[in-house]
Amino acid sequence: MRPDCDLLLPHYDSGLRFADADNPQPDDPLFDGGVSGGITWDGTFYRDLVRYPAGGQFFWSAYLKPGTAPGMKNGYWLNFGSGWAHLANDDPSQLLTGAAPRLYYDTVAGSWKLVIEATMFVTNAVVNVWTGTKQGGPDPTGQYTHLTGCDPTPTLTVEAQP
């Protein structure tokens, strides 16, 4: 395992314990004071051309959920699995500066790209958890194939919400 990936995971003797993912509770222990201010990310991506016009109509991010804002439990700190991500400086215009779970159309490659990143504790460095692509077409839904990242899951599926 890569050392940068190993740091994302809890160790047997670390003292960290994780809540029941099937039954999250408001007082579930999270990594630290800052992350305890986060919310559990359900894997949903949102588009908001007002807060982040640079992405255009083919860009979605977990941070763009309606109502998200700076502050405790307001959506700019995301907890997922054994990782977490934080919007750089709580500023949507800096979305690509820090860890940014996102889904977008890569015009250069001619394919859809799904990127899930995490923020390292203490250093705030960005770690690629999972990145994959889906070839062409106007629709981002479908199966994405793993290209790189700490998580070896071979494919992820993006589905449309009603």
C-alpha atoms as a PDB file:
ATOM      1  CA  MET A   1       0.000   0.000   0.000  1.00  0.00           C
ATOM      2  CA  ARG A   2       1.210   3.531  -0.750  1.00  0.00           C
ATOM      3  CA  PRO A   3       2.210   5.478   2.404  1.00  0.00           C
ATOM      4  CA  ASP A   4      -0.074   8.410   1.514  1.00  0.00           C
ATOM      5  CA  CYS A   5      -3.025   6.023   1.233  1.00  0.00           C
ATOM      6  CA  ASP A   6      -2.192   4.224   4.474  1.00  0.00           C
ATOM      7  CA  LEU A   7      -2.468   7.507   6.389  1.00  0.00           C
ATOM      8  CA  LEU A   8      -6.143   7.791   5.441  1.00  0.00           C
ATOM      9  CA  LEU A   9      -7.075   4.572   7.163  1.00  0.00           C
ATOM     10  CA  PRO A  10      -7.575   3.969  10.892  1.00  0.00           C
ATOM     11  CA  HIS A  11      -4.974   1.738  12.482  1.00  0.00           C
ATOM     12  CA  TYR A  12      -5.815  -1.027  14.924  1.00  0.00           C
ATOM     13  CA  ASP A  13      -4.024   0.734  17.775  1.00  0.00           C
ATOM     14  CA  SER A  14      -4.884   4.321  16.763  1.00  0.00           C
ATOM     15  CA  GLY A  15      -7.767   4.781  19.192  1.00  0.00           C
ATOM     16  CA  LEU A  16     -10.053   5.820  16.347  1.00  0.00           C
ATOM     17  CA  ARG A  17     -13.376   4.099  16.085  1.00  0.00           C
ATOM     18  CA  PHE A  18     -15.909   4.558  13.334  1.00  0.00           C
ATOM     19  CA  ALA A  19     -19.626   4.882  13.678  1.00  0.00           C
ATOM     20  CA  ASP A  20     -22.118   2.457  12.182  1.00  0.00           C
ATOM     21  CA  ALA A  21     -22.455   3.642   8.576  1.00  0.00           C
ATOM     22  CA  ASP A  22     -25.930   2.104   8.420  1.00  0.00           C
ATOM     23  CA  ASN A  23     -27.106   4.086  11.453  1.00  0.00           C
ATOM     24  CA  PRO A  24     -25.289   7.458  11.664  1.00  0.00           C
ATOM     25  CA  GLN A  25     -25.869   9.502  14.813  1.00  0.00           C
ATOM     26  CA  PRO A  26     -25.214  13.220  15.420  1.00  0.00           C
ATOM     27  CA  ASP A  27     -22.750  12.437  18.210  1.00  0.00           C
ATOM     28  CA  ASP A  28     -20.750   9.799  16.301  1.00  0.00           C
ATOM     29  CA  PRO A  29     -17.038  10.348  16.906  1.00  0.00           C
ATOM     30  CA  LEU A  30     -15.172  11.742  13.945  1.00  0.00           C
ATOM     31  CA  PHE A  31     -11.474  12.484  13.445  1.00  0.00           C
ATOM     32  CA  ASP A  32     -10.999  15.793  15.248  1.00  0.00           C
ATOM     33  CA  GLY A  33     -12.675  19.053  16.230  1.00  0.00           C
ATOM     34  CA  GLY A  34     -12.743  20.386  12.683  1.00  0.00           C
ATOM     35  CA  VAL A  35     -14.039  17.215  11.111  1.00  0.00           C
ATOM     36  CA  SER A  36     -16.670  16.754  13.807  1.00  0.00           C
ATOM     37  CA  GLY A  37     -18.094  19.940  12.305  1.00  0.00           C
ATOM     38  CA  GLY A  38     -18.629  18.062   9.068  1.00  0.00           C
ATOM     39  CA  ILE A  39     -21.568  16.217   7.625  1.00  0.00           C
ATOM     40  CA  THR A  40     -21.703  12.682   6.260  1.00  0.00           C
ATOM     41  CA  TRP A  41     -21.452  12.782   2.469  1.00  0.00           C
ATOM     42  CA  ASP A  42     -23.970  10.505   0.769  1.00  0.00           C
ATOM     43  CA  GLY A  43     -22.161  10.512  -2.582  1.00  0.00           C
ATOM     44  CA  THR A  44     -24.438  13.068  -4.240  1.00  0.00           C
ATOM     45  CA  PHE A  45     -23.079  15.752  -6.578  1.00  0.00           C
ATOM     46  CA  TYR A  46     -24.752  19.118  -7.294  1.00  0.00           C
ATOM     47  CA  ARG A  47     -24.459  21.846  -9.936  1.00  0.00           C
ATOM     48  CA  ASP A  48     -24.640  25.547  -9.042  1.00  0.00           C
ATOM     49  CA  LEU A  49     -23.771  27.978 -11.821  1.00  0.00           C
ATOM     50  CA  VAL A  50     -24.225  30.973  -9.503  1.00  0.00           C
ATOM     51  CA  ARG A  51     -21.729  29.899  -6.816  1.00  0.00           C
ATOM     52  CA  TYR A  52     -19.308  28.193  -9.213  1.00  0.00           C
ATOM     53  CA  PRO A  53     -19.757  29.511 -12.774  1.00  0.00           C
ATOM     54  CA  ALA A  54     -16.225  28.424 -13.779  1.00  0.00           C
ATOM     55  CA  GLY A  55     -17.351  24.790 -13.961  1.00  0.00           C
ATOM     56  CA  GLY A  56     -20.045  25.408 -16.550  1.00  0.00           C
ATOM     57  CA  GLN A  57     -23.097  23.288 -17.176  1.00  0.00           C
ATOM     58  CA  PHE A  58     -21.150  20.008 -17.140  1.00  0.00           C
ATOM     59  CA  PHE A  59     -19.633  20.326 -13.644  1.00  0.00           C
ATOM     60  CA  TRP A  60     -21.033  19.004 -10.359  1.00  0.00           C
ATOM     61  CA  SER A  61     -19.500  18.955  -6.879  1.00  0.00           C
ATOM     62  CA  ALA A  62     -20.495  17.643  -3.471  1.00  0.00           C
ATOM     63  CA  TYR A  63     -19.873  21.132  -2.034  1.00  0.00           C
ATOM     64  CA  LEU A  64     -22.547  22.778  -4.214  1.00  0.00           C
ATOM     65  CA  LYS A  65     -25.522  21.247  -2.412  1.00  0.00           C
ATOM     66  CA  PRO A  66     -28.226  23.918  -1.971  1.00  0.00           C
ATOM     67  CA  GLY A  67     -27.869  25.582   1.419  1.00  0.00           C
ATOM     68  CA  THR A  68     -24.214  24.691   2.016  1.00  0.00           C
ATOM     69  CA  ALA A  69     -22.184  27.443   3.657  1.00  0.00           C
ATOM     70  CA  PRO A  70     -19.166  27.997   5.916  1.00  0.00           C
ATOM     71  CA  GLY A  71     -19.496  26.833   9.501  1.00  0.00           C
ATOM     72  CA  MET A  72     -20.208  23.765  11.580  1.00  0.00           C
ATOM     73  CA  LYS A  73     -22.376  21.080   9.952  1.00  0.00           C
ATOM     74  CA  ASN A  74     -23.066  23.276   6.911  1.00  0.00           C
ATOM     75  CA  GLY A  75     -21.596  21.118   4.143  1.00  0.00           C
ATOM     76  CA  TYR A  76     -18.101  22.439   3.471  1.00  0.00           C
ATOM     77  CA  TRP A  77     -16.615  19.638   5.610  1.00  0.00           C
ATOM     78  CA  LEU A  78     -17.556  16.212   4.234  1.00  0.00           C
ATOM     79  CA  ASN A  79     -17.042  12.917   6.046  1.00  0.00           C
ATOM     80  CA  PHE A  80     -17.084   9.712   4.000  1.00  0.00           C
ATOM     81  CA  GLY A  81     -15.913   6.203   4.826  1.00  0.00           C
ATOM     82  CA  SER A  82     -12.647   6.617   6.696  1.00  0.00           C
ATOM     83  CA  GLY A  83     -11.836   9.915   4.995  1.00  0.00           C
ATOM     84  CA  TRP A  84     -12.910  13.529   4.900  1.00  0.00           C
ATOM     85  CA  ALA A  85     -12.696  16.516   2.571  1.00  0.00           C
ATOM     86  CA  HIS A  86     -12.826  20.254   3.174  1.00  0.00           C
ATOM     87  CA  LEU A  87     -13.625  23.075   0.733  1.00  0.00           C
ATOM     88  CA  ALA A  88     -10.522  25.285   0.558  1.00  0.00           C
ATOM     89  CA  ASN A  89     -11.039  28.389   2.709  1.00  0.00           C
ATOM     90  CA  ASP A  90     -14.818  27.747   2.696  1.00  0.00           C
ATOM     91  CA  ASP A  91     -14.859  29.518  -0.682  1.00  0.00           C
ATOM     92  CA  PRO A  92     -16.582  27.937  -3.726  1.00  0.00           C
ATOM     93  CA  SER A  93     -14.387  29.988  -6.098  1.00  0.00           C
ATOM     94  CA  GLN A  94     -11.407  27.999  -4.705  1.00  0.00           C
ATOM     95  CA  LEU A  95     -13.136  24.666  -5.233  1.00  0.00           C
ATOM     96  CA  LEU A  96     -10.232  23.086  -7.116  1.00  0.00           C
ATOM     97  CA  THR A  97      -7.589  24.326  -4.648  1.00  0.00           C
ATOM     98  CA  GLY A  98      -8.342  21.714  -1.967  1.00  0.00           C
ATOM     99  CA  ALA A  99      -9.904  18.266  -1.907  1.00  0.00           C
ATOM    100  CA  ALA A 100     -12.929  18.491  -4.181  1.00  0.00           C
ATOM    101  CA  PRO A 101     -15.201  15.511  -4.871  1.00  0.00           C
ATOM    102  CA  ARG A 102     -16.449  16.338  -8.364  1.00  0.00           C
ATOM    103  CA  LEU A 103     -17.948  15.045 -11.588  1.00  0.00           C
ATOM    104  CA  TYR A 104     -17.294  16.856 -14.861  1.00  0.00           C
ATOM    105  CA  TYR A 105     -16.864  16.573 -18.605  1.00  0.00           C
ATOM    106  CA  ASP A 106     -13.202  16.738 -19.614  1.00  0.00           C
ATOM    107  CA  THR A 107     -13.312  18.470 -22.998  1.00  0.00           C
ATOM    108  CA  VAL A 108      -9.648  17.717 -23.754  1.00  0.00           C
ATOM    109  CA  ALA A 109     -10.014  13.949 -23.227  1.00  0.00           C
ATOM    110  CA  GLY A 110     -13.602  13.822 -24.530  1.00  0.00           C
ATOM    111  CA  SER A 111     -14.805  11.856 -21.504  1.00  0.00           C
ATOM    112  CA  TRP A 112     -16.573  12.236 -18.161  1.00  0.00           C
ATOM    113  CA  LYS A 113     -14.340  12.263 -15.078  1.00  0.00           C
ATOM    114  CA  LEU A 114     -15.303  11.302 -11.522  1.00  0.00           C
ATOM    115  CA  VAL A 115     -12.832  12.472  -8.856  1.00  0.00           C
ATOM    116  CA  ILE A 116     -13.038  11.743  -5.124  1.00  0.00           C
ATOM    117  CA  GLU A 117     -10.333  13.390  -3.031  1.00  0.00           C
ATOM    118  CA  ALA A 118      -9.627  13.522   0.687  1.00  0.00           C
ATOM    119  CA  THR A 119      -7.885  16.064   2.900  1.00  0.00           C
ATOM    120  CA  MET A 120      -4.966  14.804   4.998  1.00  0.00           C
ATOM    121  CA  PHE A 121      -5.186  15.458   8.717  1.00  0.00           C
ATOM    122  CA  VAL A 122      -2.704  18.078  10.004  1.00  0.00           C
ATOM    123  CA  THR A 123      -1.056  18.894   6.638  1.00  0.00           C
ATOM    124  CA  ASN A 124      -4.315  19.448   4.716  1.00  0.00           C
ATOM    125  CA  ALA A 125      -2.636  17.905   1.664  1.00  0.00           C
ATOM    126  CA  VAL A 126      -4.980  16.550  -1.004  1.00  0.00           C
ATOM    127  CA  VAL A 127      -5.002  12.777  -1.596  1.00  0.00           C
ATOM    128  CA  ASN A 128      -6.631  11.135  -4.591  1.00  0.00           C
ATOM    129  CA  VAL A 129      -9.007   8.502  -3.192  1.00  0.00           C
ATOM    130  CA  TRP A 130     -10.557   7.423  -6.503  1.00  0.00           C
ATOM    131  CA  THR A 131     -10.502   8.803 -10.042  1.00  0.00           C
ATOM    132  CA  GLY A 132     -12.189   7.220 -13.030  1.00  0.00           C
ATOM    133  CA  THR A 133     -13.633   8.013 -16.438  1.00  0.00           C
ATOM    134  CA  LYS A 134     -16.593   7.197 -18.650  1.00  0.00           C
ATOM    135  CA  GLN A 135     -16.344   7.689 -22.387  1.00  0.00           C
ATOM    136  CA  GLY A 136     -18.260  10.403 -24.258  1.00  0.00           C
ATOM    137  CA  GLY A 137     -21.890  11.229 -24.641  1.00  0.00           C
ATOM    138  CA  PRO A 138     -23.901  14.079 -23.142  1.00  0.00           C
ATOM    139  CA  ASP A 139     -24.988  12.107 -20.064  1.00  0.00           C
ATOM    140  CA  PRO A 140     -22.742  11.709 -16.974  1.00  0.00           C
ATOM    141  CA  THR A 141     -24.686   8.689 -15.696  1.00  0.00           C
ATOM    142  CA  GLY A 142     -23.174   5.257 -16.153  1.00  0.00           C
ATOM    143  CA  GLN A 143     -20.200   3.169 -15.111  1.00  0.00           C
ATOM    144  CA  TYR A 144     -16.818   4.805 -14.456  1.00  0.00           C
ATOM    145  CA  THR A 145     -13.602   2.812 -14.716  1.00  0.00           C
ATOM    146  CA  HIS A 146     -10.837   3.297 -12.135  1.00  0.00           C
ATOM    147  CA  LEU A 147      -7.728   5.120 -13.374  1.00  0.00           C
ATOM    148  CA  THR A 148      -5.892   6.064 -10.197  1.00  0.00           C
ATOM    149  CA  GLY A 149      -6.262   6.641  -6.459  1.00  0.00           C
ATOM    150  CA  CYS A 150      -5.866   4.888  -3.133  1.00  0.00           C
ATOM    151  CA  ASP A 151      -9.112   2.921  -3.366  1.00  0.00           C
ATOM    152  CA  PRO A 152      -8.727   0.003  -5.798  1.00  0.00           C
ATOM    153  CA  THR A 153     -12.473  -0.416  -6.499  1.00  0.00           C
ATOM    154  CA  PRO A 154     -12.516  -1.194 -10.255  1.00  0.00           C
ATOM    155  CA  THR A 155     -15.750   0.637 -11.151  1.00  0.00           C
ATOM    156  CA  LEU A 156     -18.260   3.100  -9.696  1.00  0.00           C
ATOM    157  CA  THR A 157     -21.712   3.831 -11.099  1.00  0.00           C
ATOM    158  CA  VAL A 158     -23.269   7.288 -11.294  1.00  0.00           C
ATOM    159  CA  GLU A 159     -27.063   7.333 -11.269  1.00  0.00           C
ATOM    160  CA  ALA A 160     -29.486  10.211 -11.826  1.00  0.00           C
ATOM    161  CA  GLN A 161     -31.700  11.268  -8.915  1.00  0.00           C
ATOM    162  CA  PRO A 162     -35.369  11.942  -9.661  1.00  0.00           C
END
